[in-house]
Amino acid sequence: AEAHAQRAQGSTRYRLQVSEAGRAETCDIERSSGNAALDQATCQVMTSRSRFHPALDAAGRPGASSFTGTIRWILPEWLKRAA
């Protein structure tokens, strides 16, 4: 809500630590969008909604891993024009 009120946009690069069960355990911001609210929302969304097939070792056993991605936060055109 805070970022929306500020009409903030940007791209946030993040890294998730993924558990043996395929759930995101932690989130670190690798490159900020320039807006703390967008960066915080990135980690909140990714840790609560992401599900992965766990990484497997040479014996086929699941293990922890990491995943890196980028979220691009863009305001819809109608909202940009309303400014």
C-alpha atoms as a PDB file:
ATOM      1  CA  ALA A   1       0.000   0.000   0.000  1.00  0.00           C
ATOM      2  CA  GLU A   2       2.855   2.361   0.842  1.00  0.00           C
ATOM      3  CA  ALA A   3       4.606   1.844  -2.500  1.00  0.00           C
ATOM      4  CA  HIS A   4       1.296   2.199  -4.325  1.00  0.00           C
ATOM      5  CA  ALA A   5       0.594   5.525  -2.591  1.00  0.00           C
ATOM      6  CA  GLN A   6       4.064   6.713  -3.611  1.00  0.00           C
ATOM      7  CA  ARG A   7       3.441   5.507  -7.187  1.00  0.00           C
ATOM      8  CA  ALA A   8       6.716   3.611  -6.892  1.00  0.00           C
ATOM      9  CA  GLN A   9       8.068   1.437  -9.683  1.00  0.00           C
ATOM     10  CA  GLY A  10      11.279  -0.504 -10.147  1.00  0.00           C
ATOM     11  CA  SER A  11      12.972  -3.882 -10.321  1.00  0.00           C
ATOM     12  CA  THR A  12      14.096  -5.829  -7.273  1.00  0.00           C
ATOM     13  CA  ARG A  13      16.620  -8.667  -7.575  1.00  0.00           C
ATOM     14  CA  TYR A  14      16.342 -11.229  -4.772  1.00  0.00           C
ATOM     15  CA  ARG A  15      17.851 -14.536  -3.625  1.00  0.00           C
ATOM     16  CA  LEU A  16      15.808 -17.181  -1.813  1.00  0.00           C
ATOM     17  CA  GLN A  17      17.222 -19.956   0.324  1.00  0.00           C
ATOM     18  CA  VAL A  18      15.102 -23.011  -0.462  1.00  0.00           C
ATOM     19  CA  SER A  19      14.643 -25.836   2.056  1.00  0.00           C
ATOM     20  CA  GLU A  20      14.768 -29.585   1.407  1.00  0.00           C
ATOM     21  CA  ALA A  21      10.960 -29.436   1.335  1.00  0.00           C
ATOM     22  CA  GLY A  22      10.984 -26.871  -1.490  1.00  0.00           C
ATOM     23  CA  ARG A  23       9.858 -23.884   0.585  1.00  0.00           C
ATOM     24  CA  ALA A  24      11.517 -20.474   0.555  1.00  0.00           C
ATOM     25  CA  GLU A  25      13.044 -19.980   4.010  1.00  0.00           C
ATOM     26  CA  THR A  26      14.846 -16.670   3.669  1.00  0.00           C
ATOM     27  CA  CYS A  27      14.978 -13.836   1.180  1.00  0.00           C
ATOM     28  CA  ASP A  28      17.837 -11.410   0.605  1.00  0.00           C
ATOM     29  CA  ILE A  29      17.726  -8.367  -1.653  1.00  0.00           C
ATOM     30  CA  GLU A  30      20.645  -8.456  -4.077  1.00  0.00           C
ATOM     31  CA  ARG A  31      19.729  -5.265  -5.952  1.00  0.00           C
ATOM     32  CA  SER A  32      17.230  -2.775  -4.587  1.00  0.00           C
ATOM     33  CA  SER A  33      14.475  -1.188  -6.629  1.00  0.00           C
ATOM     34  CA  GLY A  34      15.317   2.062  -4.861  1.00  0.00           C
ATOM     35  CA  ASN A  35      12.137   1.808  -2.801  1.00  0.00           C
ATOM     36  CA  ALA A  36      12.195  -0.007   0.546  1.00  0.00           C
ATOM     37  CA  ALA A  37       8.469  -0.821   0.397  1.00  0.00           C
ATOM     38  CA  LEU A  38       8.848  -2.570  -2.985  1.00  0.00           C
ATOM     39  CA  ASP A  39      11.872  -4.508  -1.747  1.00  0.00           C
ATOM     40  CA  GLN A  40       9.996  -5.603   1.372  1.00  0.00           C
ATOM     41  CA  ALA A  41       6.953  -6.607  -0.706  1.00  0.00           C
ATOM     42  CA  THR A  42       9.219  -8.670  -2.985  1.00  0.00           C
ATOM     43  CA  CYS A  43      10.468 -10.791  -0.082  1.00  0.00           C
ATOM     44  CA  GLN A  44       7.013 -11.060   1.460  1.00  0.00           C
ATOM     45  CA  VAL A  45       5.433 -12.288  -1.782  1.00  0.00           C
ATOM     46  CA  MET A  46       8.261 -14.637  -2.717  1.00  0.00           C
ATOM     47  CA  THR A  47       8.613 -16.309   0.696  1.00  0.00           C
ATOM     48  CA  SER A  48       4.868 -16.760   1.164  1.00  0.00           C
ATOM     49  CA  ARG A  49       3.942 -17.957  -2.344  1.00  0.00           C
ATOM     50  CA  SER A  50       6.975 -19.684  -3.850  1.00  0.00           C
ATOM     51  CA  ARG A  51       7.115 -23.484  -4.033  1.00  0.00           C
ATOM     52  CA  PHE A  52       9.961 -25.447  -5.589  1.00  0.00           C
ATOM     53  CA  HIS A  53      10.868 -29.006  -6.378  1.00  0.00           C
ATOM     54  CA  PRO A  54      13.818 -29.506  -4.031  1.00  0.00           C
ATOM     55  CA  ALA A  55      17.308 -29.909  -5.419  1.00  0.00           C
ATOM     56  CA  LEU A  56      18.564 -33.493  -5.432  1.00  0.00           C
ATOM     57  CA  ASP A  57      22.076 -34.678  -4.597  1.00  0.00           C
ATOM     58  CA  ALA A  58      23.941 -37.393  -6.544  1.00  0.00           C
ATOM     59  CA  ALA A  59      22.079 -40.090  -4.577  1.00  0.00           C
ATOM     60  CA  GLY A  60      18.687 -38.529  -5.349  1.00  0.00           C
ATOM     61  CA  ARG A  61      18.117 -37.160  -1.839  1.00  0.00           C
ATOM     62  CA  PRO A  62      16.509 -33.708  -1.515  1.00  0.00           C
ATOM     63  CA  GLY A  63      18.692 -30.895  -0.243  1.00  0.00           C
ATOM     64  CA  ALA A  64      18.672 -27.162   0.339  1.00  0.00           C
ATOM     65  CA  SER A  65      19.428 -24.809  -2.528  1.00  0.00           C
ATOM     66  CA  SER A  66      18.981 -21.212  -3.605  1.00  0.00           C
ATOM     67  CA  PHE A  67      17.015 -19.389  -6.291  1.00  0.00           C
ATOM     68  CA  THR A  68      17.677 -15.922  -7.686  1.00  0.00           C
ATOM     69  CA  GLY A  69      15.142 -13.835  -9.571  1.00  0.00           C
ATOM     70  CA  THR A  70      13.891 -10.355 -10.350  1.00  0.00           C
ATOM     71  CA  ILE A  71      10.468  -8.817  -9.871  1.00  0.00           C
ATOM     72  CA  ARG A  72       9.616  -5.789 -11.981  1.00  0.00           C
ATOM     73  CA  TRP A  73       7.027  -3.578 -10.298  1.00  0.00           C
ATOM     74  CA  ILE A  74       5.121  -1.486 -12.879  1.00  0.00           C
ATOM     75  CA  LEU A  75       2.123   0.772 -12.390  1.00  0.00           C
ATOM     76  CA  PRO A  76      -0.728   0.254 -14.853  1.00  0.00           C
ATOM     77  CA  GLU A  77      -1.060   2.942 -17.533  1.00  0.00           C
ATOM     78  CA  TRP A  78      -4.401   4.193 -16.185  1.00  0.00           C
ATOM     79  CA  LEU A  79      -2.816   4.850 -12.812  1.00  0.00           C
ATOM     80  CA  LYS A  80       0.157   6.650 -14.343  1.00  0.00           C
ATOM     81  CA  ARG A  81      -2.236   8.990 -16.179  1.00  0.00           C
ATOM     82  CA  ALA A  82      -4.182   9.685 -12.971  1.00  0.00           C
ATOM     83  CA  ALA A  83      -1.138  11.367 -11.429  1.00  0.00           C
END
